[in-house]
Protein backbone atom coordinates (compact mmCIF):
# COMPACT_ATOMS: atom_id res chain seq x y z
CA UNK A 1 85.97 77.56 108.97
CA UNK A 2 87.31 74.04 108.32
CA UNK A 3 84.09 73.27 106.45
CA UNK A 4 84.57 76.37 104.26
CA UNK A 5 88.19 75.38 103.63
CA UNK A 6 87.14 71.85 102.63
CA UNK A 7 84.57 73.21 100.17
CA UNK A 8 86.63 76.02 98.66
CA UNK A 9 90.24 74.83 98.89
CA UNK A 10 90.79 74.55 95.09
CA UNK A 11 89.71 78.16 94.59
CA UNK A 12 91.71 79.38 97.59
CA UNK A 13 94.78 77.43 96.44
CA UNK A 14 94.48 78.99 93.01
CA UNK A 15 94.22 82.46 94.53
CA UNK A 16 97.34 81.86 96.61
CA UNK A 17 99.27 80.76 93.51
CA UNK A 18 98.06 83.83 91.65
CA UNK A 19 99.27 86.08 94.46
CA UNK A 20 102.61 84.27 94.48
CA UNK A 21 103.01 85.27 90.85
CA UNK A 22 101.76 88.83 91.34
CA UNK A 23 103.82 89.37 94.47
CA UNK A 24 106.98 88.14 92.77
CA UNK A 25 106.64 90.28 89.65
CA UNK A 26 106.02 93.49 91.57
CA UNK A 27 109.18 93.20 93.67
CA UNK A 28 111.29 91.59 90.97
CA UNK A 29 110.76 94.43 88.50
CA UNK A 30 112.10 96.97 90.99
CA UNK A 31 115.24 94.89 91.48
CA UNK A 32 115.73 94.08 87.80
CA UNK A 33 115.11 97.71 86.85
CA UNK A 34 118.16 98.68 88.91
CA UNK A 35 120.23 96.01 87.16
CA UNK A 36 119.08 97.38 83.78
CA UNK A 37 120.01 100.91 84.96
CA UNK A 38 116.51 102.33 84.59
CA UNK A 39 116.12 105.68 86.32
CA UNK A 40 113.89 106.10 89.34
CA UNK A 41 111.45 108.17 87.27
CA UNK A 42 111.28 105.49 84.58
CA UNK A 43 110.58 102.80 87.19
CA UNK A 44 107.93 104.96 88.81
CA UNK A 45 106.16 105.18 85.44
CA UNK A 46 106.40 101.42 85.03
CA UNK A 47 104.94 100.80 88.47
CA UNK A 48 102.17 103.36 88.02
CA UNK A 49 101.00 101.66 84.84
CA UNK A 50 99.88 98.59 86.81
CA UNK A 51 97.30 100.70 88.63
CA UNK A 52 96.13 102.31 85.39
CA UNK A 53 95.45 98.85 83.99
CA UNK A 54 93.87 97.69 87.23
CA UNK A 55 91.49 100.65 87.25
CA UNK A 56 90.44 100.07 83.66
CA UNK A 57 90.05 96.36 84.34
CA UNK A 58 87.70 96.99 87.22
CA UNK A 59 85.44 98.99 84.88
CA UNK A 60 85.64 96.79 81.78
CA UNK A 61 85.91 93.21 83.12
CA UNK A 62 82.24 93.02 84.25
CA UNK A 63 81.04 93.75 80.72
CA UNK A 64 83.46 91.15 79.32
CA UNK A 65 82.10 88.56 81.77
CA UNK A 66 78.50 89.32 80.78
CA UNK A 67 79.32 88.97 77.09
CA UNK A 68 81.42 85.77 76.99
CA UNK A 69 81.16 84.24 80.46
CA UNK A 70 83.36 83.73 83.49
CA UNK A 71 85.37 80.78 82.19
CA UNK A 72 86.47 82.41 78.94
CA UNK A 73 87.41 85.68 80.63
CA UNK A 74 89.28 83.85 83.37
CA UNK A 75 91.23 81.68 80.93
CA UNK A 76 92.00 84.51 78.52
CA UNK A 77 93.23 86.92 81.19
CA UNK A 78 95.20 84.16 82.90
CA UNK A 79 96.99 83.38 79.64
CA UNK A 80 97.74 87.08 79.24
CA UNK A 81 99.29 87.26 82.72
CA UNK A 82 101.44 84.18 82.15
CA UNK A 83 102.70 85.51 78.81
CA UNK A 84 103.50 88.98 80.14
CA UNK A 85 105.49 87.57 83.05
CA UNK A 86 107.80 85.84 80.55
CA UNK A 87 107.97 88.86 78.25
CA UNK A 88 109.45 91.07 80.99
CA UNK A 89 112.74 89.20 80.67
CA UNK A 90 112.55 89.05 76.86
CA UNK A 91 112.11 92.82 76.45
CA UNK A 92 113.98 94.62 79.29
CA UNK A 93 113.04 98.13 78.13
CA UNK A 94 111.16 100.45 80.45
CA UNK A 95 108.60 101.54 77.85
CA UNK A 96 107.82 97.91 77.02
CA UNK A 97 107.56 97.13 80.71
CA UNK A 98 105.16 100.05 81.20
CA UNK A 99 102.85 98.75 78.47
CA UNK A 100 103.04 95.22 79.86
CA UNK A 101 102.23 96.50 83.34
CA UNK A 102 99.02 98.02 81.98
CA UNK A 103 98.11 94.65 80.51
CA UNK A 104 98.94 92.71 83.64
CA UNK A 105 97.10 95.16 85.90
CA UNK A 106 94.04 94.90 83.66
CA UNK A 107 94.25 91.12 83.65
CA UNK A 108 94.66 90.71 87.40
CA UNK A 109 91.69 92.98 88.01
CA UNK A 110 89.49 90.80 85.81
CA UNK A 111 90.82 87.61 87.38
CA UNK A 112 90.01 88.88 90.88
CA UNK A 113 86.46 89.78 89.85
CA UNK A 114 85.91 86.34 88.32
CA UNK A 115 87.43 84.41 91.22
CA UNK A 116 85.43 86.39 93.77
CA UNK A 117 82.23 85.67 91.83
CA UNK A 118 82.91 81.96 92.15
CA UNK A 119 83.79 82.27 95.83
CA UNK A 120 80.55 84.14 96.45
CA UNK A 121 78.55 81.50 94.57
CA UNK A 122 80.16 78.69 96.57
CA UNK A 123 79.31 80.31 99.92
CA UNK A 124 76.12 80.62 101.93
CA UNK A 125 75.05 83.54 104.10
CA UNK A 126 76.32 81.60 107.11
CA UNK A 127 79.78 80.87 105.63
CA UNK A 128 80.35 83.97 103.49
CA UNK A 129 82.22 85.90 106.17
CA UNK A 130 84.55 82.99 106.84
CA UNK A 131 85.12 82.47 103.12
CA UNK A 132 86.04 86.12 102.65
CA UNK A 133 88.43 85.99 105.61
CA UNK A 134 90.13 82.89 104.18
CA UNK A 135 90.31 84.58 100.78
CA UNK A 136 92.09 87.61 102.25
CA UNK A 137 94.42 85.43 104.32
CA UNK A 138 95.40 83.37 101.27
CA UNK A 139 96.10 86.56 99.33
CA UNK A 140 98.40 87.79 102.08
CA UNK A 141 100.16 84.43 102.44
CA UNK A 142 100.75 84.35 98.69
CA UNK A 143 102.31 87.82 98.61
CA UNK A 144 104.48 87.11 101.66
CA UNK A 145 105.68 83.74 100.34
CA UNK A 146 106.43 85.33 96.96
CA UNK A 147 109.16 87.41 98.58
CA UNK A 148 110.92 84.25 99.75
CA UNK A 149 110.96 82.87 96.20
CA UNK A 150 112.95 85.90 95.05
CA UNK A 151 115.99 84.38 96.73
CA UNK A 152 115.91 81.18 94.67
CA UNK A 153 117.70 82.52 91.57
CA UNK A 154 119.66 85.44 90.12
CA UNK A 155 117.35 88.43 89.33
CA UNK A 156 119.53 89.30 86.32
CA UNK A 157 118.54 86.05 84.60
CA UNK A 158 115.31 84.47 83.33
CA UNK A 159 114.44 81.97 86.05
CA UNK A 160 112.72 84.41 88.41
CA UNK A 161 110.44 85.50 85.57
CA UNK A 162 109.66 81.92 84.59
CA UNK A 163 108.67 80.88 88.14
CA UNK A 164 105.72 83.31 88.52
CA UNK A 165 104.57 82.49 84.99
CA UNK A 166 104.44 78.80 85.92
CA UNK A 167 102.69 79.53 89.21
CA UNK A 168 100.02 81.62 87.50
CA UNK A 169 99.46 78.92 84.87
CA UNK A 170 99.13 76.27 87.58
CA UNK A 171 96.70 78.48 89.52
CA UNK A 172 93.99 78.04 86.92
CA UNK A 173 94.00 74.23 87.01
CA UNK A 174 92.33 73.73 90.42
CA UNK A 175 90.01 76.68 89.87
CA UNK A 176 88.69 75.76 86.42
CA UNK A 177 88.34 72.04 87.20
CA UNK A 178 86.48 72.30 90.48
CA UNK A 179 84.54 75.54 90.91
CA UNK A 180 80.78 75.69 90.84
CA UNK A 181 79.15 77.48 87.91
CA UNK A 182 79.29 81.21 88.52
CA UNK A 183 75.99 83.08 88.79
CA UNK A 184 74.89 85.67 86.24
CA UNK A 185 77.05 88.74 86.67
CA UNK A 186 75.45 92.09 87.46
CA UNK A 187 77.86 94.91 88.16
CA UNK A 188 77.13 97.64 90.67
CA UNK A 189 77.20 101.23 89.50
CA UNK A 190 78.85 103.54 92.01
CA UNK A 191 77.12 106.48 93.60
CA UNK A 192 77.90 109.80 91.98
CA UNK A 193 81.03 111.33 93.47
CA UNK A 194 78.94 114.26 94.66
CA UNK A 195 76.61 111.98 96.66
CA UNK A 196 79.50 109.89 97.92
CA UNK A 197 81.46 112.93 99.08
CA UNK A 198 78.35 114.35 100.75
CA UNK A 199 77.84 111.06 102.60
CA UNK A 200 81.44 111.02 103.86
CA UNK A 201 84.07 113.63 102.91
CA UNK A 202 86.57 111.87 105.16
CA UNK A 203 85.96 108.54 103.48
CA UNK A 204 86.57 109.98 100.00
CA UNK A 205 89.64 112.06 100.85
CA UNK A 206 91.10 109.34 103.05
CA UNK A 207 90.62 106.67 100.39
CA UNK A 208 92.33 108.85 97.76
CA UNK A 209 95.34 109.47 100.01
CA UNK A 210 95.48 105.82 101.00
CA UNK A 211 95.63 104.83 97.33
CA UNK A 212 98.93 106.70 97.11
CA UNK A 213 100.24 104.90 100.19
CA UNK A 214 99.29 101.46 98.86
CA UNK A 215 100.76 102.01 95.42
CA UNK A 216 104.00 103.29 96.93
CA UNK A 217 104.25 100.17 99.09
CA UNK A 218 103.31 97.72 96.37
CA UNK A 219 105.08 99.41 93.47
CA UNK A 220 108.07 101.31 94.84
CA UNK A 221 109.35 99.34 97.85
CA UNK A 222 111.75 97.27 95.76
CA UNK A 223 112.80 100.35 93.76
CA UNK A 224 113.63 102.06 97.05
CA UNK A 225 115.54 98.99 98.26
CA UNK A 226 117.59 98.87 95.08
CA UNK A 227 118.40 102.58 95.27
CA UNK A 228 119.29 102.24 98.96
CA UNK A 229 121.77 99.47 98.19
CA UNK A 230 119.91 96.61 99.89
CA UNK A 231 120.53 93.03 98.82
CA UNK A 232 117.83 90.94 97.18
CA UNK A 233 117.38 89.05 100.47
CA UNK A 234 116.97 92.29 102.43
CA UNK A 235 114.49 93.71 99.92
CA UNK A 236 112.41 90.53 100.02
CA UNK A 237 112.34 90.59 103.83
CA UNK A 238 111.35 94.26 103.91
CA UNK A 239 108.50 93.81 101.42
CA UNK A 240 107.30 90.63 103.14
CA UNK A 241 107.01 92.41 106.48
CA UNK A 242 104.85 95.15 104.97
CA UNK A 243 102.24 92.46 104.37
CA UNK A 244 102.96 90.60 107.62
CA UNK A 245 102.07 93.82 109.44
CA UNK A 246 98.86 94.14 107.47
CA UNK A 247 97.90 90.55 108.22
CA UNK A 248 98.65 90.73 111.95
CA UNK A 249 97.06 94.11 112.77
CA UNK A 250 93.94 93.90 110.61
CA UNK A 251 91.74 92.19 113.18
CA UNK A 252 92.92 93.94 116.39
CA UNK A 253 92.37 97.35 114.79
CA UNK A 254 89.00 96.22 113.47
CA UNK A 255 87.99 95.05 116.97
CA UNK A 256 88.99 98.44 118.39
CA UNK A 257 87.14 100.40 115.71
CA UNK A 258 83.87 98.63 116.53
CA UNK A 259 84.08 99.95 120.10
CA UNK A 260 84.89 103.65 119.67
CA UNK A 261 84.54 106.56 117.26
CA UNK A 262 86.16 105.29 114.07
CA UNK A 263 87.49 108.78 113.34
CA UNK A 264 89.65 108.63 116.46
CA UNK A 265 91.09 105.34 115.26
CA UNK A 266 91.78 106.85 111.82
CA UNK A 267 93.40 109.88 113.47
CA UNK A 268 95.70 107.93 115.77
CA UNK A 269 96.65 105.39 113.11
CA UNK A 270 97.49 108.17 110.65
CA UNK A 271 99.63 109.97 113.24
CA UNK A 272 101.41 106.74 114.10
CA UNK A 273 102.05 106.04 110.43
CA UNK A 274 103.41 109.52 109.78
CA UNK A 275 105.68 109.38 112.86
CA UNK A 276 106.96 105.89 112.12
CA UNK A 277 107.74 106.61 108.48
CA UNK A 278 109.77 109.69 109.45
CA UNK A 279 112.29 107.53 111.32
CA UNK A 280 114.50 106.60 108.30
CA UNK A 281 114.68 110.23 107.01
CA UNK A 282 115.57 111.41 110.53
CA UNK A 283 118.44 108.94 110.67
CA UNK A 284 119.76 110.54 107.48
CA UNK A 285 119.63 114.19 108.60
CA UNK A 286 120.62 113.63 112.24
CA UNK A 287 123.97 112.19 113.38
CA UNK A 288 122.58 108.71 114.05
CA UNK A 289 124.38 106.93 111.25
CA UNK A 290 122.70 104.55 108.81
CA UNK A 291 119.26 103.24 109.73
CA UNK A 292 119.65 99.66 111.03
CA UNK A 293 118.01 97.10 108.79
CA UNK A 294 115.95 95.66 111.63
CA UNK A 295 114.49 99.12 112.21
CA UNK A 296 113.66 99.48 108.51
CA UNK A 297 111.80 96.17 108.69
CA UNK A 298 109.81 97.37 111.70
CA UNK A 299 108.95 100.60 109.89
CA UNK A 300 107.75 98.60 106.89
CA UNK A 301 105.63 96.35 109.12
CA UNK A 302 104.16 99.43 110.80
CA UNK A 303 103.31 101.04 107.45
CA UNK A 304 101.60 97.88 106.19
CA UNK A 305 99.97 97.22 109.54
CA UNK A 306 98.38 100.67 109.49
CA UNK A 307 97.48 101.09 105.82
CA UNK A 308 95.67 97.77 105.34
CA UNK A 309 93.32 98.16 108.33
CA UNK A 310 92.79 101.83 107.42
CA UNK A 311 91.31 100.75 104.08
CA UNK A 312 88.73 98.55 105.81
CA UNK A 313 88.18 101.21 108.44
CA UNK A 314 87.33 103.92 105.90
CA UNK A 315 84.90 101.61 104.10
CA UNK A 316 83.20 100.80 107.42
CA UNK A 317 83.07 104.48 108.38
CA UNK A 318 81.37 105.46 105.10
CA UNK A 319 78.86 102.63 105.53
CA UNK A 320 77.96 103.97 108.99
CA UNK A 321 76.22 106.88 107.23
CA UNK A 322 74.42 104.79 104.60
CA UNK A 323 71.49 102.46 104.28
CA UNK A 324 72.54 98.92 103.49
CA UNK A 325 71.00 99.24 100.02
CA UNK A 326 73.55 101.95 99.16
CA UNK A 327 76.65 100.29 100.64
CA UNK A 328 77.73 98.29 97.60
CA UNK A 329 77.36 101.31 95.29
CA UNK A 330 79.36 103.45 97.72
CA UNK A 331 82.07 100.79 97.97
CA UNK A 332 82.37 100.69 94.18
CA UNK A 333 82.93 104.45 94.21
CA UNK A 334 85.51 104.18 96.99
CA UNK A 335 87.41 101.49 95.06
CA UNK A 336 87.54 103.84 92.06
CA UNK A 337 88.75 106.77 94.19
CA UNK A 338 91.43 104.56 95.74
CA UNK A 339 92.52 103.52 92.25
CA UNK A 340 92.85 107.14 91.14
CA UNK A 341 95.09 107.86 94.11
CA UNK A 342 97.12 104.73 93.39
CA UNK A 343 98.00 105.86 89.87
CA UNK A 344 99.79 108.96 91.14
CA UNK A 345 101.52 107.26 94.08
CA UNK A 346 104.53 105.73 92.26
CA UNK A 347 104.96 108.79 90.04
CA UNK A 348 105.18 111.22 92.94
CA UNK A 349 107.30 108.81 94.99
CA UNK A 350 109.73 108.43 92.08
CA UNK A 351 109.90 112.18 91.59
CA UNK A 352 110.68 112.80 95.27
CA UNK A 353 113.25 109.99 95.35
CA UNK A 354 114.90 111.50 92.30
CA UNK A 355 115.26 114.81 94.15
CA UNK A 356 116.27 113.79 97.66
CA UNK A 357 117.28 110.13 97.38
CA UNK A 358 115.86 106.88 98.83
CA UNK A 359 114.36 108.62 101.87
CA UNK A 360 111.77 110.12 99.54
CA UNK A 361 110.00 106.74 99.64
CA UNK A 362 109.28 107.09 103.36
CA UNK A 363 108.75 110.85 103.24
CA UNK A 364 106.00 110.61 100.63
CA UNK A 365 104.00 108.09 102.64
CA UNK A 366 104.58 110.07 105.85
CA UNK A 367 103.18 113.19 104.17
CA UNK A 368 100.08 111.29 103.03
CA UNK A 369 99.48 109.90 106.52
CA UNK A 370 100.07 113.34 108.00
CA UNK A 371 97.60 114.89 105.58
CA UNK A 372 95.03 112.24 106.48
CA UNK A 373 95.51 112.96 110.19
CA UNK A 374 95.06 116.71 109.70
CA UNK A 375 91.96 116.25 107.55
CA UNK A 376 90.47 113.78 110.02
CA UNK A 377 91.03 116.18 112.92
CA UNK A 378 89.36 118.99 110.96
CA UNK A 379 86.39 116.82 109.96
CA UNK A 380 85.84 115.88 113.62
CA UNK A 381 85.13 119.56 114.30
CA UNK A 382 82.58 119.73 111.48
CA UNK A 383 80.43 116.69 112.12
CA UNK A 384 79.19 114.49 114.91
CA UNK A 385 80.03 110.82 115.05
CA UNK A 386 77.32 108.54 113.59
CA UNK A 387 74.63 107.46 116.03
CA UNK A 388 75.38 103.78 115.40
CA UNK A 389 78.20 101.83 113.81
CA UNK A 390 78.09 98.66 111.76
CA UNK A 391 80.61 95.85 112.12
CA UNK A 392 84.15 96.16 110.77
CA UNK A 393 84.75 93.83 107.80
CA UNK A 394 88.37 93.15 106.73
CA UNK A 395 89.01 94.03 103.09
CA UNK A 396 92.00 94.84 100.87
CA UNK A 397 92.63 97.21 97.96
CA UNK A 398 93.11 94.19 95.68
CA UNK A 399 89.56 92.91 96.14
CA UNK A 400 86.80 93.92 93.75
CA UNK A 401 83.25 95.10 94.32
CA UNK A 402 82.15 91.46 94.06
CA UNK A 403 83.91 90.61 97.33
CA UNK A 404 82.62 93.79 98.93
CA UNK A 405 79.04 92.88 98.01
CA UNK A 406 79.61 89.39 99.41
CA UNK A 407 80.77 90.89 102.69
CA UNK A 408 77.74 93.16 102.82
CA UNK A 409 75.42 90.17 102.54
CA UNK A 410 76.50 89.17 106.02
CA UNK A 411 73.78 90.21 108.47
CA UNK A 412 76.26 91.65 111.00
CA UNK A 413 77.56 94.40 108.72
CA UNK A 414 74.32 96.31 108.52
CA UNK A 415 74.34 99.61 110.43
CA UNK A 416 72.96 99.22 113.93
CA UNK A 417 70.06 101.49 114.71
CA UNK A 418 70.31 103.77 117.71
C-alpha cells in the first residue's frame, strides 16, 4: 500500500481537498439556511437539487470527456465548483441556492468520474484494490476533516464559503500537474431495469431505499441540527461521526458478509439501523427528557456505520447472481437507482420535519431501514441464497461507475463457482 501511496499521492491529495470543500458546503448550507430563516421545506429543496445535478452529471459527463478530453472537463468543472462555492454567500436566496446546488452536484459528479479514470490508469491489476481502498479512505478523511473547519469562522459571514472554494482550487494543482494521461473513455451502459430487477429484486429495492438514507444524512443532517438548536460545533461533531462510523464499520461488516448469507447481514443491519434511529424520537415522546448529545452522536455513527457498508453489501449481493461480464453494467444501473432514491430523500425528510419537528429526520431514516428489513425478510422466503458468493468490495455512493469497474478488475471479486 505504501508503494501505491507513493505513486498516487498527488491524485489522492487532490481528492481529499475536493472532499474537504464538498463536505464543508453541504453542512454549511444547512447552518447558514437557518441564519437566513429559510424554511425546512425550502432547505430540503436546496439539498435535493444536489442529487438531481449529480444524477445528470453521471449520465452526461462521460460524453463530455469523450468530446473534449479529461483535462478540459476536469478544469472546467473544477472552476464551476470554486465559483459556486463563493456565490452561495453572494446570493443567499433559497431559489438561487437550489440552482447552484444543481450545478455543483453536476460538477462534482464529472470530477469524480475524471479523477477515478486517472486513478484506474495509474494502477495495475495487483495494486488496483489498494488504490481504491486508499481513494475511499481519503474521501472519508476529507469529509470528516471538513466538519472541523466549520468551527474556524462565523457561518453568517463569507470566510467559511471562501475556504472550500480555495481548497477546491488547490485540489486541481497536484492532480493536473502529476497524473498520467487518462485512457480513452468508454462508458458502460446499464442493464435494463427489468433485467436488473429480475437478477436481484432486493438489490434494486434496497438501493433505492438506501439512496433516501444517504441523501438525508448528507443533505439534511445540518438542517436537523439547526432546527434542533445545536451549536455549530455540535453539528460538525454529529456530521463527522456519521462518516467516522462508515469508515470504521465498512471492513468488519464486509468480512462478515463474505462468510454468511448476505441477506441475513442486510436484515440485521437494517433492523439495527431502524432501532437505533428510533432512540431520539422515543426520548421526545417518553418522559426521558432531552436526548443527550453524546447519544445523538452515537446514533449518527450507527446510521453512517450501517448505511455505508450496506451500499457495498447490496452491490456485492447483486453481483453474486451475475456473470462478471455483466457486473459493471449492473453496477451502473444500481448507481442510477440509488440516485433516484437520493433525490426524494431530502424532500420527504423536510416535509416530515415540517410536520412533526426535528425528530422527523431520524424517523424518516428509521422507516426506510425498517422497510428494507421487511422486504429483505420477505425476499428470503421467495428465493434461495446464491450457491457461491464473490468477495465484498468497499464502495461509496459518491464513486462513479469508473471506480466500480476498476474494483471489478480485481481477480478476487469474481463470483466463486460452487
